């Protein structure tokens, strides 16, 4: 069963990350991308595409820079232990961003609808009052015309 974004939690993201890693290691797919809506401001949300697997070095990182880090028990074991956490955190962050973007869009739409409804009500009140005044003027004119005869 698929839960809505607002019902997702870190443990579900962790299980999803493990499944994605297993399928990637099997060779089911060669690359894994995450597409989501990134929240910038209340009025601005943008689509984002992030490559999750394989992990590529960030632009500007030197590839020939010597690495003096020693991993115990080993770099591969450390990477295997950290990757599910990294993917789960990235997935959860994207879900939170997408949900926040959706809520911001809804709020903006509701604010706009409320403003438009207020303008419509003002316009209708003005038209109603003009029509009522026209009817009253018509009645007075008919009474005065009848009295003069």
C-alpha atoms as a PDB file:
ATOM      1  CA  UNK A   1       0.000   0.000   0.000  1.00  0.00           C
ATOM      2  CA  UNK A   2       1.281   3.425  -0.945  1.00  0.00           C
ATOM      3  CA  UNK A   3       0.961   6.120   1.707  1.00  0.00           C
ATOM      4  CA  UNK A   4       0.510   9.786   0.947  1.00  0.00           C
ATOM      5  CA  UNK A   5       3.551  12.027   1.169  1.00  0.00           C
ATOM      6  CA  UNK A   6       2.339  13.510   4.455  1.00  0.00           C
ATOM      7  CA  UNK A   7       2.290   9.994   5.957  1.00  0.00           C
ATOM      8  CA  UNK A   8       5.809   9.046   4.885  1.00  0.00           C
ATOM      9  CA  UNK A   9       8.377   8.738   7.603  1.00  0.00           C
ATOM     10  CA  UNK A  10      12.107   8.114   7.825  1.00  0.00           C
ATOM     11  CA  UNK A  11      11.722   4.360   8.394  1.00  0.00           C
ATOM     12  CA  UNK A  12       9.681   3.976   5.178  1.00  0.00           C
ATOM     13  CA  UNK A  13      12.296   6.004   3.329  1.00  0.00           C
ATOM     14  CA  UNK A  14      14.996   3.757   4.800  1.00  0.00           C
ATOM     15  CA  UNK A  15      13.213   0.611   3.557  1.00  0.00           C
ATOM     16  CA  UNK A  16      12.793   2.209   0.142  1.00  0.00           C
ATOM     17  CA  UNK A  17      16.492   3.161   0.091  1.00  0.00           C
ATOM     18  CA  UNK A  18      17.483  -0.424   0.902  1.00  0.00           C
ATOM     19  CA  UNK A  19      15.267  -1.742  -1.894  1.00  0.00           C
ATOM     20  CA  UNK A  20      16.714   0.761  -4.372  1.00  0.00           C
ATOM     21  CA  UNK A  21      20.267  -0.161  -3.375  1.00  0.00           C
ATOM     22  CA  UNK A  22      19.568  -3.882  -3.717  1.00  0.00           C
ATOM     23  CA  UNK A  23      18.132  -3.402  -7.203  1.00  0.00           C
ATOM     24  CA  UNK A  24      21.032  -1.140  -8.203  1.00  0.00           C
ATOM     25  CA  UNK A  25      23.562  -3.724  -6.996  1.00  0.00           C
ATOM     26  CA  UNK A  26      21.733  -6.458  -8.958  1.00  0.00           C
ATOM     27  CA  UNK A  27      22.109  -4.331 -12.075  1.00  0.00           C
ATOM     28  CA  UNK A  28      18.366  -3.809 -12.555  1.00  0.00           C
ATOM     29  CA  UNK A  29      19.228  -0.239 -13.512  1.00  0.00           C
ATOM     30  CA  UNK A  30      22.460   1.617 -14.135  1.00  0.00           C
ATOM     31  CA  UNK A  31      21.455   5.025 -12.790  1.00  0.00           C
ATOM     32  CA  UNK A  32      18.948   6.285 -10.279  1.00  0.00           C
ATOM     33  CA  UNK A  33      17.533   9.818 -10.424  1.00  0.00           C
ATOM     34  CA  UNK A  34      15.198  11.554  -7.998  1.00  0.00           C
ATOM     35  CA  UNK A  35      12.775  14.137  -9.384  1.00  0.00           C
ATOM     36  CA  UNK A  36      10.901  16.305  -6.891  1.00  0.00           C
ATOM     37  CA  UNK A  37       9.586  19.815  -6.296  1.00  0.00           C
ATOM     38  CA  UNK A  38      12.024  21.954  -4.362  1.00  0.00           C
ATOM     39  CA  UNK A  39      10.600  24.653  -2.082  1.00  0.00           C
ATOM     40  CA  UNK A  40      12.342  28.005  -2.607  1.00  0.00           C
ATOM     41  CA  UNK A  41       9.842  30.538  -1.200  1.00  0.00           C
ATOM     42  CA  UNK A  42       6.086  30.675  -0.576  1.00  0.00           C
ATOM     43  CA  UNK A  43       5.645  31.922  -4.131  1.00  0.00           C
ATOM     44  CA  UNK A  44       8.384  29.877  -5.812  1.00  0.00           C
ATOM     45  CA  UNK A  45       8.810  26.150  -6.109  1.00  0.00           C
ATOM     46  CA  UNK A  46      11.044  24.558  -8.731  1.00  0.00           C
ATOM     47  CA  UNK A  47      11.459  21.049 -10.110  1.00  0.00           C
ATOM     48  CA  UNK A  48      14.753  19.406  -9.159  1.00  0.00           C
ATOM     49  CA  UNK A  49      16.532  16.381 -10.614  1.00  0.00           C
ATOM     50  CA  UNK A  50      19.233  14.725  -8.498  1.00  0.00           C
ATOM     51  CA  UNK A  51      21.303  11.704  -9.437  1.00  0.00           C
ATOM     52  CA  UNK A  52      21.293   9.342  -6.472  1.00  0.00           C
ATOM     53  CA  UNK A  53      23.216   6.396  -7.888  1.00  0.00           C
ATOM     54  CA  UNK A  54      25.987   6.111  -8.785  1.00  0.00           C
ATOM     55  CA  UNK A  55      27.193   8.950  -6.605  1.00  0.00           C
ATOM     56  CA  UNK A  56      29.176  11.444  -8.649  1.00  0.00           C
ATOM     57  CA  UNK A  57      31.666  13.913  -7.220  1.00  0.00           C
ATOM     58  CA  UNK A  58      30.350  17.454  -6.968  1.00  0.00           C
ATOM     59  CA  UNK A  59      31.457  19.943  -9.587  1.00  0.00           C
ATOM     60  CA  UNK A  60      34.601  21.746  -8.573  1.00  0.00           C
ATOM     61  CA  UNK A  61      35.981  18.846  -6.538  1.00  0.00           C
ATOM     62  CA  UNK A  62      39.531  17.924  -7.516  1.00  0.00           C
ATOM     63  CA  UNK A  63      39.755  14.356  -8.692  1.00  0.00           C
ATOM     64  CA  UNK A  64      43.536  14.082  -8.325  1.00  0.00           C
ATOM     65  CA  UNK A  65      43.574  15.304  -4.739  1.00  0.00           C
ATOM     66  CA  UNK A  66      45.230  12.657  -2.581  1.00  0.00           C
ATOM     67  CA  UNK A  67      43.024  11.117   0.081  1.00  0.00           C
ATOM     68  CA  UNK A  68      44.611  10.343   3.403  1.00  0.00           C
ATOM     69  CA  UNK A  69      41.521   8.912   5.076  1.00  0.00           C
ATOM     70  CA  UNK A  70      41.909   5.436   6.519  1.00  0.00           C
ATOM     71  CA  UNK A  71      38.716   3.436   6.901  1.00  0.00           C
ATOM     72  CA  UNK A  72      38.351   0.665   9.410  1.00  0.00           C
ATOM     73  CA  UNK A  73      37.007  -1.964   8.649  1.00  0.00           C
ATOM     74  CA  UNK A  74      37.378  -0.708   5.037  1.00  0.00           C
ATOM     75  CA  UNK A  75      36.082   1.883   2.613  1.00  0.00           C
ATOM     76  CA  UNK A  76      33.668  -0.542   0.942  1.00  0.00           C
ATOM     77  CA  UNK A  77      32.146  -1.696   4.233  1.00  0.00           C
ATOM     78  CA  UNK A  78      31.783   1.869   5.494  1.00  0.00           C
ATOM     79  CA  UNK A  79      30.154   2.925   2.220  1.00  0.00           C
ATOM     80  CA  UNK A  80      27.732  -0.016   2.351  1.00  0.00           C
ATOM     81  CA  UNK A  81      26.781   0.913   5.914  1.00  0.00           C
ATOM     82  CA  UNK A  82      26.335   4.620   5.174  1.00  0.00           C
ATOM     83  CA  UNK A  83      24.601   4.438   1.767  1.00  0.00           C
ATOM     84  CA  UNK A  84      21.128   3.392   3.039  1.00  0.00           C
ATOM     85  CA  UNK A  85      21.205   6.261   5.544  1.00  0.00           C
ATOM     86  CA  UNK A  86      22.321   8.728   2.886  1.00  0.00           C
ATOM     87  CA  UNK A  87      19.642   7.627   0.421  1.00  0.00           C
ATOM     88  CA  UNK A  88      16.922   7.536   3.087  1.00  0.00           C
ATOM     89  CA  UNK A  89      17.838  11.052   4.221  1.00  0.00           C
ATOM     90  CA  UNK A  90      17.861  12.336   0.652  1.00  0.00           C
ATOM     91  CA  UNK A  91      14.485  10.708  -0.094  1.00  0.00           C
ATOM     92  CA  UNK A  92      12.933  12.048   3.106  1.00  0.00           C
ATOM     93  CA  UNK A  93      14.289  15.544   2.431  1.00  0.00           C
ATOM     94  CA  UNK A  94      12.828  15.468  -1.096  1.00  0.00           C
ATOM     95  CA  UNK A  95       9.458  14.294   0.246  1.00  0.00           C
ATOM     96  CA  UNK A  96       9.406  17.095   2.819  1.00  0.00           C
ATOM     97  CA  UNK A  97      10.324  19.644   0.137  1.00  0.00           C
ATOM     98  CA  UNK A  98       7.608  18.343  -2.188  1.00  0.00           C
ATOM     99  CA  UNK A  99       4.970  18.364   0.544  1.00  0.00           C
ATOM    100  CA  UNK A 100       5.940  21.876   1.639  1.00  0.00           C
ATOM    101  CA  UNK A 101       5.793  23.033  -1.987  1.00  0.00           C
ATOM    102  CA  UNK A 102       2.321  21.533  -2.395  1.00  0.00           C
ATOM    103  CA  UNK A 103       1.034  23.196   0.781  1.00  0.00           C
ATOM    104  CA  UNK A 104       2.524  26.544  -0.285  1.00  0.00           C
ATOM    105  CA  UNK A 105       0.859  26.243  -3.708  1.00  0.00           C
ATOM    106  CA  UNK A 106      -2.477  25.403  -2.097  1.00  0.00           C
ATOM    107  CA  UNK A 107      -2.196  28.353   0.264  1.00  0.00           C
ATOM    108  CA  UNK A 108      -1.346  30.696  -2.585  1.00  0.00           C
ATOM    109  CA  UNK A 109      -4.311  29.392  -4.591  1.00  0.00           C
ATOM    110  CA  UNK A 110      -6.648  29.822  -1.614  1.00  0.00           C
ATOM    111  CA  UNK A 111      -5.394  33.380  -0.987  1.00  0.00           C
ATOM    112  CA  UNK A 112      -5.976  34.207  -4.641  1.00  0.00           C
ATOM    113  CA  UNK A 113      -9.447  32.619  -4.599  1.00  0.00           C
ATOM    114  CA  UNK A 114     -10.367  34.534  -1.419  1.00  0.00           C
ATOM    115  CA  UNK A 115      -9.208  37.825  -2.954  1.00  0.00           C
ATOM    116  CA  UNK A 116     -11.142  37.127  -6.170  1.00  0.00           C
ATOM    117  CA  UNK A 117     -14.272  36.182  -4.198  1.00  0.00           C
ATOM    118  CA  UNK A 118     -14.025  39.422  -2.191  1.00  0.00           C
ATOM    119  CA  UNK A 119     -13.766  41.453  -5.389  1.00  0.00           C
ATOM    120  CA  UNK A 120     -16.739  39.575  -6.868  1.00  0.00           C
ATOM    121  CA  UNK A 121     -18.837  40.204  -3.737  1.00  0.00           C
ATOM    122  CA  UNK A 122     -18.004  43.928  -3.842  1.00  0.00           C
ATOM    123  CA  UNK A 123     -18.965  44.123  -7.521  1.00  0.00           C
ATOM    124  CA  UNK A 124     -22.236  42.255  -6.930  1.00  0.00           C
ATOM    125  CA  UNK A 125     -23.140  44.515  -3.960  1.00  0.00           C
ATOM    126  CA  UNK A 126     -22.533  47.579  -6.126  1.00  0.00           C
ATOM    127  CA  UNK A 127     -24.731  46.177  -8.930  1.00  0.00           C
ATOM    128  CA  UNK A 128     -27.454  45.212  -6.453  1.00  0.00           C
ATOM    129  CA  UNK A 129     -27.482  48.666  -4.854  1.00  0.00           C
ATOM    130  CA  UNK A 130     -27.641  50.348  -8.260  1.00  0.00           C
ATOM    131  CA  UNK A 131     -30.533  48.101  -9.329  1.00  0.00           C
ATOM    132  CA  UNK A 132     -32.349  48.776  -6.025  1.00  0.00           C
ATOM    133  CA  UNK A 133     -31.831  52.525  -6.358  1.00  0.00           C
ATOM    134  CA  UNK A 134     -33.092  52.332  -9.938  1.00  0.00           C
ATOM    135  CA  UNK A 135     -36.233  50.493  -8.782  1.00  0.00           C
ATOM    136  CA  UNK A 136     -36.857  53.044  -5.977  1.00  0.00           C
ATOM    137  CA  UNK A 137     -36.389  55.926  -8.423  1.00  0.00           C
ATOM    138  CA  UNK A 138     -38.816  54.252 -10.841  1.00  0.00           C
ATOM    139  CA  UNK A 139     -41.438  53.860  -8.070  1.00  0.00           C
ATOM    140  CA  UNK A 140     -41.062  57.495  -6.968  1.00  0.00           C
ATOM    141  CA  UNK A 141     -41.371  58.628 -10.587  1.00  0.00           C
ATOM    142  CA  UNK A 142     -44.564  56.576 -11.005  1.00  0.00           C
ATOM    143  CA  UNK A 143     -46.045  57.953  -7.749  1.00  0.00           C
ATOM    144  CA  UNK A 144     -45.247  61.535  -8.719  1.00  0.00           C
ATOM    145  CA  UNK A 145     -46.646  61.004 -12.249  1.00  0.00           C
ATOM    146  CA  UNK A 146     -49.843  59.472 -10.765  1.00  0.00           C
ATOM    147  CA  UNK A 147     -50.276  62.346  -8.302  1.00  0.00           C
ATOM    148  CA  UNK A 148     -49.979  64.948 -11.037  1.00  0.00           C
ATOM    149  CA  UNK A 149     -52.844  63.463 -13.033  1.00  0.00           C
END
